[in-house]
Amino acid sequence: MRTLIIPLAVSLFLLASAAAPLALAESEIEKDVRDAARDLDKGIEHDGKETRKELSHDGHELSKEGDHLDKERHKEDKLLDKEEKKLF
């Protein structure tokens, strides 16, 4: 029986010794994954803010262009009204 217990104890000790660095490596990997996920979230958030700014700017420019076109159309309508009055 003794011949089985000593090798078993040594095997368990070696197994425990080998498992400690693996657990440490696993926690390092988990930390790296969390850090990478956090960095990715920050990048996505930053890109989203930039996209919203660009879309807002584009919308503002389109609105200004639309206002300008409305003014031009209004001028053309006035000219057409004058031409119609001349004809009648």
Protein backbone atom coordinates (compact mmCIF):
# COMPACT_ATOMS: atom_id res chain seq x y z
CA MET A 1 0.00 0.00 0.00
CA ARG A 2 2.83 2.29 0.86
CA THR A 3 4.29 1.80 -2.57
CA LEU A 4 1.11 3.24 -4.06
CA ILE A 5 0.67 6.17 -1.69
CA ILE A 6 4.10 7.75 -2.17
CA PRO A 7 3.95 7.84 -6.00
CA LEU A 8 0.37 9.03 -5.79
CA ALA A 9 1.36 11.86 -3.42
CA VAL A 10 4.26 12.83 -5.66
CA SER A 11 1.99 12.77 -8.70
CA LEU A 12 -0.58 14.97 -6.97
CA PHE A 13 2.15 17.39 -5.89
CA LEU A 14 3.52 17.60 -9.44
CA LEU A 15 0.03 18.02 -10.83
CA ALA A 16 -0.72 20.84 -8.38
CA SER A 17 2.62 22.47 -9.18
CA ALA A 18 1.86 22.35 -12.89
CA ALA A 19 -1.68 23.63 -12.45
CA ALA A 20 -0.64 26.83 -10.66
CA PRO A 21 1.11 28.40 -13.68
CA LEU A 22 -1.77 27.30 -15.89
CA ALA A 23 -4.24 29.07 -13.62
CA LEU A 24 -2.04 32.16 -13.65
CA ALA A 25 -1.79 32.02 -17.44
CA GLU A 26 -5.56 31.59 -17.68
CA SER A 27 -6.15 34.65 -15.51
CA GLU A 28 -3.71 36.63 -17.67
CA ILE A 29 -5.56 35.53 -20.80
CA GLU A 30 -8.89 36.52 -19.23
CA LYS A 31 -7.43 39.93 -18.32
CA ASP A 32 -6.11 40.40 -21.86
CA VAL A 33 -9.50 39.46 -23.31
CA ARG A 34 -11.28 41.91 -20.98
CA ASP A 35 -8.81 44.65 -21.91
CA ALA A 36 -9.24 43.95 -25.61
CA ALA A 37 -13.04 43.97 -25.27
CA ARG A 38 -12.91 47.27 -23.38
CA ASP A 39 -10.64 48.79 -26.04
CA LEU A 40 -12.97 47.54 -28.76
CA ASP A 41 -15.98 49.05 -26.99
CA LYS A 42 -14.16 52.37 -26.68
CA GLY A 43 -13.24 52.24 -30.37
CA ILE A 44 -16.80 51.46 -31.39
CA GLU A 45 -18.12 54.25 -29.17
CA HIS A 46 -15.60 56.71 -30.65
CA ASP A 47 -16.44 55.64 -34.20
CA GLY A 48 -20.14 56.01 -33.42
CA LYS A 49 -19.62 59.54 -32.14
CA GLU A 50 -17.61 60.45 -35.23
CA THR A 51 -20.26 58.98 -37.50
CA ARG A 52 -23.01 60.91 -35.70
CA LYS A 53 -20.99 64.12 -36.08
CA GLU A 54 -20.47 63.48 -39.78
CA LEU A 55 -24.14 62.67 -40.34
CA SER A 56 -25.20 65.74 -38.40
CA HIS A 57 -22.87 67.90 -40.47
CA ASP A 58 -24.10 66.31 -43.71
CA GLY A 59 -27.71 66.84 -42.64
CA HIS A 60 -27.01 70.48 -41.87
CA GLU A 61 -25.37 70.96 -45.27
CA LEU A 62 -28.32 69.29 -47.02
CA SER A 63 -30.73 71.49 -45.09
CA LYS A 64 -28.84 74.62 -46.19
CA GLU A 65 -28.84 73.38 -49.78
CA GLY A 66 -32.58 72.67 -49.56
CA ASP A 67 -33.23 76.18 -48.23
CA HIS A 68 -31.24 77.64 -51.10
CA LEU A 69 -33.21 75.58 -53.63
CA ASP A 70 -36.48 76.70 -52.03
CA LYS A 71 -35.43 80.35 -52.44
CA GLU A 72 -34.51 79.75 -56.08
CA ARG A 73 -37.84 78.01 -56.74
CA HIS A 74 -39.68 80.89 -55.05
CA LYS A 75 -37.89 83.39 -57.33
CA GLU A 76 -38.78 81.32 -60.39
CA ASP A 77 -42.42 81.13 -59.26
CA LYS A 78 -42.52 84.92 -58.96
CA LEU A 79 -41.08 85.32 -62.45
CA LEU A 80 -43.62 82.87 -63.84
CA ASP A 81 -46.44 84.76 -62.13
CA LYS A 82 -45.24 88.01 -63.71
CA GLU A 83 -45.05 86.36 -67.13
CA GLU A 84 -48.58 84.97 -66.72
CA LYS A 85 -49.91 88.40 -65.78
CA LYS A 86 -48.31 89.88 -68.88
CA LEU A 87 -49.99 87.28 -71.06
CA PHE A 88 -53.45 87.92 -69.62
